[in-house]
Amino acid sequence: MVLIGGHPISAKIPVMRLTPEEHLVIREASLRYFGVRPQLFGSRVDDNKRGGDIDLYIETACEPREAFGREMHLAADLCQQLGDQKIDVVVNTGRLNLPIYHVAREQGVWL
C-alpha cells in the first residue's frame, strides 16, 4: 500500500498511466464535488497505448443542472491541479442510457 498525502493508494491498482499523485487529485476532487469515486476508462487504463486524455466516469443522483455545475467545477479544479491535460468527464445522472455509460462501466477502473 502506497500513501500519498496520508491517503492509501493500492499498489495493485491496474492504472499505470496515472501517477499516484494524479490518482489522488482526481479521486479527491470527485469526492468533493459528487461524493463518489470516479472510474477511469479509455486509453489511460491500457498500458500498451500512448497519449490520450483522462476519461472519467461518474454516476450521481443529482439533477442534471446541478450535475452540470458540479462537472464544470470538477473540470476547472482538475485543470488547475493537473495542469494542461485533456480531461473528459462523463456524468451519468440516471436519466439517459447512453452507450458511453456501458463502455465506461465495462472498461472503468475505480480511483
Protein backbone atom coordinates (compact mmCIF):
# COMPACT_ATOMS: atom_id res chain seq x y z
CA MET A 1 0.00 0.00 0.00
CA VAL A 2 1.36 3.39 -1.02
CA LEU A 3 0.44 6.53 0.92
CA ILE A 4 0.10 9.84 -0.88
CA GLY A 5 -0.76 12.77 1.33
CA GLY A 6 -1.64 10.33 4.10
CA HIS A 7 -4.21 8.55 1.89
CA PRO A 8 -3.82 4.92 0.84
CA ILE A 9 -3.34 4.17 -2.84
CA SER A 10 -3.29 0.45 -3.50
CA ALA A 11 -0.13 -0.74 -5.24
CA LYS A 12 -2.30 -3.32 -7.03
CA ILE A 13 -4.30 -0.72 -8.95
CA PRO A 14 -4.04 -1.60 -12.65
CA VAL A 15 -3.83 2.07 -13.66
CA MET A 16 -0.28 2.56 -14.83
CA ARG A 17 -0.83 5.68 -16.87
CA LEU A 18 -1.65 7.98 -13.96
CA THR A 19 0.84 8.91 -11.30
CA PRO A 20 -0.17 8.22 -7.70
CA GLU A 21 -0.47 11.98 -7.23
CA GLU A 22 -2.81 12.34 -10.25
CA HIS A 23 -4.85 9.40 -8.98
CA LEU A 24 -5.27 11.07 -5.59
CA VAL A 25 -6.09 14.51 -7.01
CA ILE A 26 -8.78 13.06 -9.29
CA ARG A 27 -10.32 10.85 -6.61
CA GLU A 28 -10.42 13.63 -4.02
CA ALA A 29 -11.92 16.14 -6.46
CA SER A 30 -14.65 13.70 -7.47
CA LEU A 31 -15.44 13.00 -3.84
CA ARG A 32 -15.51 16.74 -3.11
CA TYR A 33 -17.93 17.63 -5.93
CA PHE A 34 -20.00 14.46 -6.29
CA GLY A 35 -19.45 12.44 -3.13
CA VAL A 36 -18.42 9.38 -5.15
CA ARG A 37 -15.23 7.86 -6.52
CA PRO A 38 -14.81 8.17 -10.27
CA GLN A 39 -13.91 5.47 -12.75
CA LEU A 40 -11.05 5.98 -15.17
CA PHE A 41 -11.69 4.49 -18.61
CA GLY A 42 -10.36 4.74 -22.14
CA SER A 43 -6.74 4.64 -23.22
CA ARG A 44 -5.35 5.52 -19.78
CA VAL A 45 -6.32 2.10 -18.45
CA ASP A 46 -4.31 0.36 -21.18
CA ASP A 47 -0.54 0.31 -20.61
CA ASN A 48 0.02 -0.60 -24.27
CA LYS A 49 -1.47 2.66 -25.55
CA ARG A 50 0.22 6.04 -25.70
CA GLY A 51 -1.06 9.53 -25.13
CA GLY A 52 -4.73 10.00 -24.65
CA ASP A 53 -6.85 12.16 -22.48
CA ILE A 54 -8.04 11.37 -18.99
CA ASP A 55 -11.56 9.93 -19.32
CA LEU A 56 -13.58 9.90 -16.10
CA TYR A 57 -17.00 8.37 -15.46
CA ILE A 58 -19.17 9.45 -12.54
CA GLU A 59 -22.63 8.26 -11.51
CA THR A 60 -24.74 10.61 -9.42
CA ALA A 61 -28.33 11.08 -8.32
CA CYS A 62 -28.05 14.86 -8.83
CA GLU A 63 -30.48 16.68 -11.06
CA PRO A 64 -28.90 17.29 -14.49
CA ARG A 65 -28.48 21.05 -13.97
CA GLU A 66 -26.81 20.53 -10.61
CA ALA A 67 -24.61 17.78 -12.05
CA PHE A 68 -23.55 20.08 -14.90
CA GLY A 69 -22.45 22.78 -12.43
CA ARG A 70 -20.54 20.25 -10.37
CA GLU A 71 -18.93 18.85 -13.51
CA MET A 72 -17.71 22.32 -14.51
CA HIS A 73 -16.23 22.92 -11.04
CA LEU A 74 -14.60 19.48 -11.07
CA ALA A 75 -13.08 20.06 -14.52
CA ALA A 76 -11.76 23.50 -13.52
CA ASP A 77 -10.31 22.13 -10.28
CA LEU A 78 -8.60 19.24 -12.09
CA CYS A 79 -7.25 21.56 -14.77
CA GLN A 80 -5.78 23.82 -12.09
CA GLN A 81 -4.24 20.95 -10.14
CA LEU A 82 -3.09 18.70 -13.00
CA GLY A 83 -2.05 21.34 -15.50
CA ASP A 84 -2.60 21.34 -19.20
CA GLN A 85 -4.11 17.91 -19.84
CA LYS A 86 -7.22 16.98 -21.78
CA ILE A 87 -9.79 15.70 -19.30
CA ASP A 88 -13.20 14.34 -20.31
CA VAL A 89 -15.80 13.90 -17.58
CA VAL A 90 -18.86 11.76 -18.32
CA VAL A 91 -21.58 12.21 -15.71
CA ASN A 92 -24.49 9.79 -15.59
CA THR A 93 -27.49 11.19 -13.69
CA GLY A 94 -29.53 8.06 -14.36
CA ARG A 95 -31.92 9.77 -16.76
CA LEU A 96 -30.42 8.53 -20.02
CA ASN A 97 -28.98 5.22 -21.18
CA LEU A 98 -26.10 6.25 -23.41
CA PRO A 99 -23.64 3.76 -24.99
CA ILE A 100 -20.69 5.63 -23.42
CA TYR A 101 -22.02 4.69 -19.98
CA HIS A 102 -21.77 0.99 -20.84
CA VAL A 103 -18.24 1.41 -22.24
CA ALA A 104 -17.13 3.30 -19.13
CA ARG A 105 -18.61 0.69 -16.76
CA GLU A 106 -17.01 -2.20 -18.69
CA GLN A 107 -13.54 -0.62 -19.02
CA GLY A 108 -13.58 1.52 -15.91
CA VAL A 109 -11.13 1.25 -13.06
CA TRP A 110 -12.16 2.77 -9.72
CA LEU A 111 -9.92 5.53 -8.45
